Amino acid sequence: MSTPAIGAVPVAVIGSGNIGTDLMIKVMRLSKTLRMGAMVGIDPASDGLARAGRLGVATTHQGVEGLVGMPGFADIKVVFDATSAKAHGPNAEIARQHGKLMVDLTPAALGPFVVPSVNLDDHLDAPDVNMVTCGGQATIPVVAAVSRVAPVAYAEIVASISSRSAGPGTRANIDEFTETTGEAIRVVGGASVGKAIIVLNPADPPIVMRDTVYCLVEGAVDAGTRERIAASVREMTGAVQEYVPGYRLKQDVQFDPVEDAMVPALGRRVTGVRVSVFLEVQGAGHYLPDYAGNLDIMTSAAVRTAEKIAALRGWVNA
């Protein structure tokens, strides 16, 4: 294993489950900007807290209140929330009171949606940024890539993940996943209307994360516009791969004519072109199995977000 990078910006992770623990490993192993200041949980027997202790990271099992009472809390600049949508509100309020940047990995969506490859520069001053969902991080870049070339009237995404990679937090937040992702497809992706579907696949051996993106572009779409859309999607894929190496297109972008078809989400009939994009996300295997790309893309996006905000706020040399 390579020598861990040690950054200048102390961070805390709230949530000692799968996502929080993988996030801790990424900070310690990969980031030259961030360094672990504390790992926070509520279960003293959790593997995440035990692993953090073995790695020399300060821990507390008393939740966010325990974090505030830790000796090094004043130095913490960034707090990652890897708990649940319900718990995020109180966590975010405490972080706000103490002037900490909150990077939210839950679907609570109290702060602005951030997808690093699309709109991170728009929210560098926000006190609480929301990482949308795993499906959002995987698919919204594609919707944005299409919409920057041609207006997207409707976008629908289907995120298929291994059932084994869906922990209690994911299962408890299914409704929040669909609502938050659908809204972010519109707000960040640029579609007029967005819809999200998640599938928990019980296949054994487990499958890696697979995502399908459908974008409806109304009106005539000539060959030149199709090529610009395909090139835009390829360019965006490369941008995401900079922080999620296992993110890839499964095949060429597909274009299918739509002729006078009823689109219930729009409440009217449309004619145009359906743009179909098929993705795969393989995890890096830092803490989680490599099939858990849905979790890996969240933690990778969160680290990238915190690093860039920290640099631009002057906490570390850019």
Protein backbone atom coordinates (compact mmCIF):
# COMPACT_ATOMS: atom_id res chain seq x y z
CA MET A 1 0.00 0.00 0.00
CA SER A 2 1.25 3.51 -0.80
CA THR A 3 2.23 5.91 1.96
CA PRO A 4 -0.89 7.80 3.10
CA ALA A 5 -1.12 11.45 2.10
CA ILE A 6 -1.36 13.90 5.01
CA GLY A 7 -3.27 17.08 4.22
CA ALA A 8 -3.43 20.39 6.04
CA VAL A 9 -7.20 20.68 6.52
CA PRO A 10 -8.66 18.70 9.46
CA VAL A 11 -12.03 17.04 8.79
CA ALA A 12 -14.54 15.02 10.77
CA VAL A 13 -16.76 12.23 9.49
CA ILE A 14 -20.14 11.74 11.17
CA GLY A 15 -21.39 8.21 10.58
CA SER A 16 -19.23 5.15 11.13
CA GLY A 17 -21.05 2.88 8.68
CA ASN A 18 -19.96 1.79 5.21
CA ILE A 19 -20.00 5.23 3.58
CA GLY A 20 -18.36 7.01 6.49
CA THR A 21 -15.63 4.41 6.82
CA ASP A 22 -14.86 4.42 3.10
CA LEU A 23 -14.75 8.21 3.22
CA MET A 24 -12.24 8.06 6.06
CA ILE A 25 -10.02 5.66 4.10
CA LYS A 26 -10.13 7.90 1.02
CA VAL A 27 -9.17 10.97 3.03
CA MET A 28 -6.27 9.14 4.65
CA ARG A 29 -5.02 7.33 1.56
CA LEU A 30 -5.66 9.73 -1.30
CA SER A 31 -6.14 13.34 -0.23
CA LYS A 32 -3.19 15.72 -0.17
CA THR A 33 -5.49 18.48 1.10
CA LEU A 34 -7.55 16.88 3.87
CA ARG A 35 -6.61 14.93 6.97
CA MET A 36 -8.76 13.03 9.41
CA GLY A 37 -9.44 14.86 12.65
CA ALA A 38 -12.26 12.71 14.04
CA MET A 39 -14.55 9.78 13.30
CA VAL A 40 -17.99 10.06 14.89
CA GLY A 41 -20.59 7.35 15.45
CA ILE A 42 -23.31 6.27 17.83
CA ASP A 43 -22.49 2.56 18.05
CA PRO A 44 -19.36 1.96 20.13
CA ALA A 45 -19.05 -1.53 18.61
CA SER A 46 -19.11 -0.35 14.97
CA ASP A 47 -16.34 -1.51 12.66
CA GLY A 48 -15.83 2.06 11.48
CA LEU A 49 -14.96 3.37 14.94
CA ALA A 50 -12.77 0.35 15.64
CA ARG A 51 -10.90 0.82 12.36
CA ALA A 52 -10.50 4.53 12.98
CA GLY A 53 -9.01 3.81 16.38
CA ARG A 54 -6.52 1.36 14.90
CA LEU A 55 -5.51 4.00 12.35
CA GLY A 56 -4.87 6.59 15.05
CA VAL A 57 -7.95 8.72 14.36
CA ALA A 58 -9.70 10.29 17.34
CA THR A 59 -13.18 8.80 17.83
CA THR A 60 -16.41 9.32 19.74
CA HIS A 61 -19.54 7.17 19.90
CA GLN A 62 -21.64 10.04 21.28
CA GLY A 63 -22.71 11.48 17.95
CA VAL A 64 -22.36 15.11 16.94
CA GLU A 65 -22.57 16.24 20.58
CA GLY A 66 -19.54 14.10 21.31
CA LEU A 67 -17.72 15.68 18.38
CA VAL A 68 -18.28 19.18 19.75
CA GLY A 69 -16.75 18.10 23.04
CA MET A 70 -13.59 16.64 21.52
CA PRO A 71 -10.31 18.52 22.19
CA GLY A 72 -9.54 19.01 18.49
CA PHE A 73 -13.00 20.20 17.44
CA ALA A 74 -11.98 23.87 17.16
CA ASP A 75 -9.49 22.96 14.42
CA ILE A 76 -11.98 21.01 12.29
CA LYS A 77 -12.80 22.84 9.05
CA VAL A 78 -15.05 20.32 7.27
CA VAL A 79 -17.70 17.96 8.61
CA PHE A 80 -18.88 15.14 6.35
CA ASP A 81 -22.34 13.81 7.24
CA ALA A 82 -22.71 10.14 6.30
CA THR A 83 -25.69 9.40 8.55
CA SER A 84 -29.29 9.75 7.31
CA ALA A 85 -31.64 12.37 5.93
CA LYS A 86 -33.47 12.54 9.27
CA ALA A 87 -30.29 13.03 11.30
CA HIS A 88 -28.79 15.62 8.99
CA GLY A 89 -30.88 18.58 10.16
CA PRO A 90 -29.56 18.61 13.74
CA ASN A 91 -26.03 17.79 12.54
CA ALA A 92 -26.07 20.65 10.04
CA GLU A 93 -27.35 23.13 12.62
CA ILE A 94 -24.52 22.32 15.02
CA ALA A 95 -21.97 22.59 12.22
CA ARG A 96 -23.44 25.98 11.23
CA GLN A 97 -23.31 27.28 14.78
CA HIS A 98 -19.61 26.48 14.95
CA GLY A 99 -18.72 27.76 11.48
CA LYS A 100 -17.88 24.40 9.91
CA LEU A 101 -18.37 23.53 6.25
CA MET A 102 -20.90 20.69 6.05
CA VAL A 103 -20.63 18.22 3.16
CA ASP A 104 -23.86 16.24 3.22
CA LEU A 105 -23.86 12.69 1.82
CA THR A 106 -27.49 12.07 2.84
CA PRO A 107 -30.54 12.85 0.67
CA ALA A 108 -31.66 15.58 3.11
CA ALA A 109 -30.96 18.29 0.52
CA LEU A 110 -30.97 21.18 3.00
CA GLY A 111 -28.08 22.81 1.17
CA PRO A 112 -27.62 23.30 -2.58
CA PHE A 113 -27.08 20.25 -4.77
CA VAL A 114 -23.46 19.79 -5.85
CA VAL A 115 -22.12 17.50 -8.57
CA PRO A 116 -18.38 18.29 -8.81
CA SER A 117 -18.06 17.91 -12.58
CA VAL A 118 -21.10 20.12 -13.22
CA ASN A 119 -21.70 22.94 -10.73
CA LEU A 120 -19.25 22.95 -7.82
CA ASP A 121 -18.01 26.45 -8.71
CA ASP A 122 -21.54 27.81 -8.17
CA HIS A 123 -21.62 26.96 -4.46
CA LEU A 124 -18.16 27.59 -3.07
CA ASP A 125 -19.52 29.90 -0.35
CA ALA A 126 -22.38 27.66 0.83
CA PRO A 127 -22.15 26.49 4.48
CA ASP A 128 -23.88 23.16 3.70
CA VAL A 129 -23.55 21.42 0.32
CA ASN A 130 -25.54 18.33 -0.61
CA MET A 131 -24.04 15.52 -2.67
CA VAL A 132 -27.49 14.52 -4.02
CA THR A 133 -27.46 10.70 -4.21
CA CYS A 134 -25.33 7.96 -5.74
CA GLY A 135 -27.66 7.82 -8.73
CA GLY A 136 -27.51 11.58 -9.03
CA GLN A 137 -23.72 11.71 -8.95
CA ALA A 138 -23.58 9.06 -11.69
CA THR A 139 -26.28 10.35 -14.03
CA ILE A 140 -26.68 14.10 -13.61
CA PRO A 141 -23.36 14.78 -15.37
CA VAL A 142 -24.79 13.04 -18.45
CA VAL A 143 -28.03 15.03 -18.35
CA ALA A 144 -25.98 18.21 -18.02
CA ALA A 145 -23.77 17.14 -20.92
CA VAL A 146 -26.82 16.72 -23.16
CA SER A 147 -28.58 19.88 -21.98
CA ARG A 148 -25.56 22.11 -22.65
CA VAL A 149 -25.91 21.17 -26.31
CA ALA A 150 -29.70 20.93 -26.74
CA PRO A 151 -32.68 21.63 -24.41
CA VAL A 152 -33.80 18.50 -22.52
CA ALA A 153 -37.57 18.42 -22.06
CA TYR A 154 -37.55 15.29 -19.92
CA ALA A 155 -34.84 13.16 -18.34
CA GLU A 156 -35.30 9.81 -16.64
CA ILE A 157 -32.57 7.84 -14.89
CA VAL A 158 -32.54 4.26 -13.63
CA ALA A 159 -29.85 3.37 -11.09
CA SER A 160 -29.33 -0.36 -10.56
CA ILE A 161 -27.15 -1.31 -7.61
CA SER A 162 -26.28 -4.53 -5.86
CA SER A 163 -28.61 -5.32 -3.00
CA ARG A 164 -25.52 -6.08 -0.92
CA SER A 165 -24.29 -2.51 -1.30
CA ALA A 166 -27.59 -1.06 -0.05
CA GLY A 167 -27.23 -0.71 3.70
CA PRO A 168 -29.86 0.34 6.25
CA GLY A 169 -29.40 4.03 5.45
CA THR A 170 -29.96 3.52 1.73
CA ARG A 171 -33.02 1.35 2.30
CA ALA A 172 -34.52 3.79 4.77
CA ASN A 173 -34.12 6.69 2.32
CA ILE A 174 -35.59 5.23 -0.89
CA ASP A 175 -38.30 7.90 -1.09
CA GLU A 176 -35.77 10.64 -0.44
CA PHE A 177 -33.52 9.13 -3.12
CA THR A 178 -36.17 9.35 -5.84
CA GLU A 179 -37.38 12.81 -4.83
CA THR A 180 -33.93 14.34 -4.34
CA THR A 181 -32.47 12.83 -7.50
CA GLY A 182 -35.46 13.83 -9.61
CA GLU A 183 -35.24 17.42 -8.40
CA ALA A 184 -31.47 17.56 -8.95
CA ILE A 185 -31.87 16.25 -12.51
CA ARG A 186 -33.85 19.41 -13.13
CA VAL A 187 -31.92 21.93 -11.01
CA VAL A 188 -28.38 20.75 -11.80
CA GLY A 189 -28.82 18.66 -14.93
CA GLY A 190 -30.90 21.25 -16.73
CA ALA A 191 -33.86 19.07 -17.73
CA SER A 192 -37.31 20.66 -17.64
CA VAL A 193 -38.67 17.58 -15.84
CA GLY A 194 -36.71 14.82 -14.12
CA LYS A 195 -37.55 11.36 -12.81
CA ALA A 196 -35.40 8.86 -10.90
CA ILE A 197 -35.80 5.12 -10.29
CA ILE A 198 -33.59 2.88 -8.15
CA VAL A 199 -33.35 -0.90 -8.47
CA LEU A 200 -31.80 -3.11 -5.78
CA ASN A 201 -30.50 -6.12 -7.68
CA PRO A 202 -30.20 -9.35 -5.62
CA ALA A 203 -27.90 -11.06 -8.15
CA ASP A 204 -25.17 -13.27 -6.75
CA PRO A 205 -22.33 -12.68 -7.44
CA PRO A 206 -23.16 -9.00 -6.96
CA ILE A 207 -23.27 -6.69 -9.96
CA VAL A 208 -21.47 -3.38 -10.17
CA MET A 209 -23.54 -0.21 -10.31
CA ARG A 210 -25.21 0.33 -13.68
CA ASP A 211 -27.08 3.46 -14.70
CA THR A 212 -29.29 4.24 -17.65
CA VAL A 213 -30.02 7.82 -18.66
CA TYR A 214 -32.81 8.80 -21.07
CA CYS A 215 -32.99 12.39 -22.29
CA LEU A 216 -35.81 13.61 -24.52
CA VAL A 217 -34.77 16.39 -26.88
CA GLU A 218 -37.74 17.90 -28.69
CA GLY A 219 -37.79 18.98 -32.32
CA ALA A 220 -35.44 18.21 -35.17
CA VAL A 221 -31.98 17.03 -34.14
CA ASP A 222 -29.63 16.91 -37.11
CA ALA A 223 -26.50 14.78 -37.48
CA GLY A 224 -24.22 17.60 -36.37
CA THR A 225 -26.17 18.15 -33.16
CA ARG A 226 -26.12 14.43 -32.43
CA GLU A 227 -22.35 14.35 -32.76
CA ARG A 228 -22.01 17.39 -30.48
CA ILE A 229 -24.21 15.66 -27.88
CA ALA A 230 -22.15 12.46 -28.08
CA ALA A 231 -18.90 14.44 -27.81
CA SER A 232 -20.27 16.37 -24.83
CA VAL A 233 -21.17 13.13 -23.04
CA ARG A 234 -17.69 11.69 -23.70
CA GLU A 235 -16.06 14.86 -22.40
CA MET A 236 -18.18 14.82 -19.25
CA THR A 237 -17.38 11.15 -18.67
CA GLY A 238 -13.70 12.05 -18.67
CA ALA A 239 -14.32 14.83 -16.14
CA VAL A 240 -16.03 12.42 -13.74
CA GLN A 241 -13.28 9.82 -14.23
CA GLU A 242 -10.78 12.30 -12.79
CA TYR A 243 -12.17 11.58 -9.32
CA VAL A 244 -14.05 8.29 -9.97
CA PRO A 245 -11.71 6.12 -12.09
CA GLY A 246 -14.26 3.29 -12.30
CA TYR A 247 -16.85 5.48 -14.07
CA ARG A 248 -17.29 4.55 -17.73
CA LEU A 249 -19.60 4.47 -20.73
CA LYS A 250 -20.76 0.95 -21.57
CA GLN A 251 -21.43 1.74 -25.23
CA ASP A 252 -21.79 4.61 -27.67
CA VAL A 253 -24.51 7.18 -27.06
CA GLN A 254 -27.76 6.04 -28.71
CA PHE A 255 -30.26 8.23 -30.60
CA ASP A 256 -33.81 7.05 -31.32
CA PRO A 257 -36.57 9.07 -33.02
CA VAL A 258 -39.69 9.88 -31.03
CA GLU A 259 -42.72 10.63 -33.20
CA ASP A 260 -45.86 12.12 -31.69
CA ALA A 261 -45.54 10.06 -28.50
CA MET A 262 -47.42 10.76 -25.28
CA VAL A 263 -45.06 11.55 -22.37
CA PRO A 264 -47.10 11.32 -19.15
CA ALA A 265 -44.53 13.28 -17.13
CA LEU A 266 -44.98 16.21 -19.52
CA GLY A 267 -48.72 15.75 -19.95
CA ARG A 268 -48.53 16.10 -23.72
CA ARG A 269 -47.42 14.48 -26.94
CA VAL A 270 -43.95 15.18 -28.25
CA THR A 271 -41.78 14.63 -31.29
CA GLY A 272 -38.02 14.62 -31.10
CA VAL A 273 -35.11 12.33 -30.24
CA ARG A 274 -34.47 10.12 -27.23
CA VAL A 275 -30.82 10.14 -26.18
CA SER A 276 -29.85 6.97 -24.29
CA VAL A 277 -26.65 6.63 -22.29
CA PHE A 278 -25.54 3.48 -20.47
CA LEU A 279 -23.02 3.73 -17.64
CA GLU A 280 -21.14 1.49 -15.26
CA VAL A 281 -19.50 2.50 -11.99
CA GLN A 282 -16.95 0.18 -10.41
CA GLY A 283 -15.69 1.00 -6.95
CA ALA A 284 -12.05 1.51 -6.08
CA GLY A 285 -12.14 -1.15 -3.34
CA HIS A 286 -10.62 1.06 -0.64
CA TYR A 287 -12.92 -0.21 2.13
CA LEU A 288 -15.95 -1.47 0.25
CA PRO A 289 -16.10 -4.24 -2.38
CA ASP A 290 -15.45 -3.05 -5.91
CA TYR A 291 -19.06 -3.78 -6.88
CA ALA A 292 -20.20 -0.99 -4.51
CA GLY A 293 -19.65 1.74 -7.07
CA ASN A 294 -22.79 3.47 -5.81
CA LEU A 295 -21.08 4.18 -2.50
CA ASP A 296 -17.67 4.85 -4.00
CA ILE A 297 -18.96 7.60 -6.28
CA MET A 298 -20.55 9.37 -3.32
CA THR A 299 -17.43 9.36 -1.18
CA SER A 300 -15.20 10.28 -4.11
CA ALA A 301 -17.44 13.21 -5.03
CA ALA A 302 -17.54 14.38 -1.41
CA VAL A 303 -13.75 14.36 -1.10
CA ARG A 304 -13.35 16.24 -4.39
CA THR A 305 -15.90 18.84 -3.24
CA ALA A 306 -14.24 19.42 0.14
CA GLU A 307 -10.77 19.65 -1.42
CA LYS A 308 -11.77 22.30 -3.94
CA ILE A 309 -13.75 24.41 -1.47
CA ALA A 310 -10.88 24.22 1.04
CA ALA A 311 -8.40 25.41 -1.58
CA LEU A 312 -10.58 28.27 -2.79
CA ARG A 313 -11.36 29.43 0.74
CA GLY A 314 -7.66 29.74 1.40
CA TRP A 315 -7.41 26.94 3.96
CA VAL A 316 -4.62 25.38 1.93
CA ASN A 317 -2.54 26.44 -1.04
CA ALA A 318 -4.55 25.90 -4.26
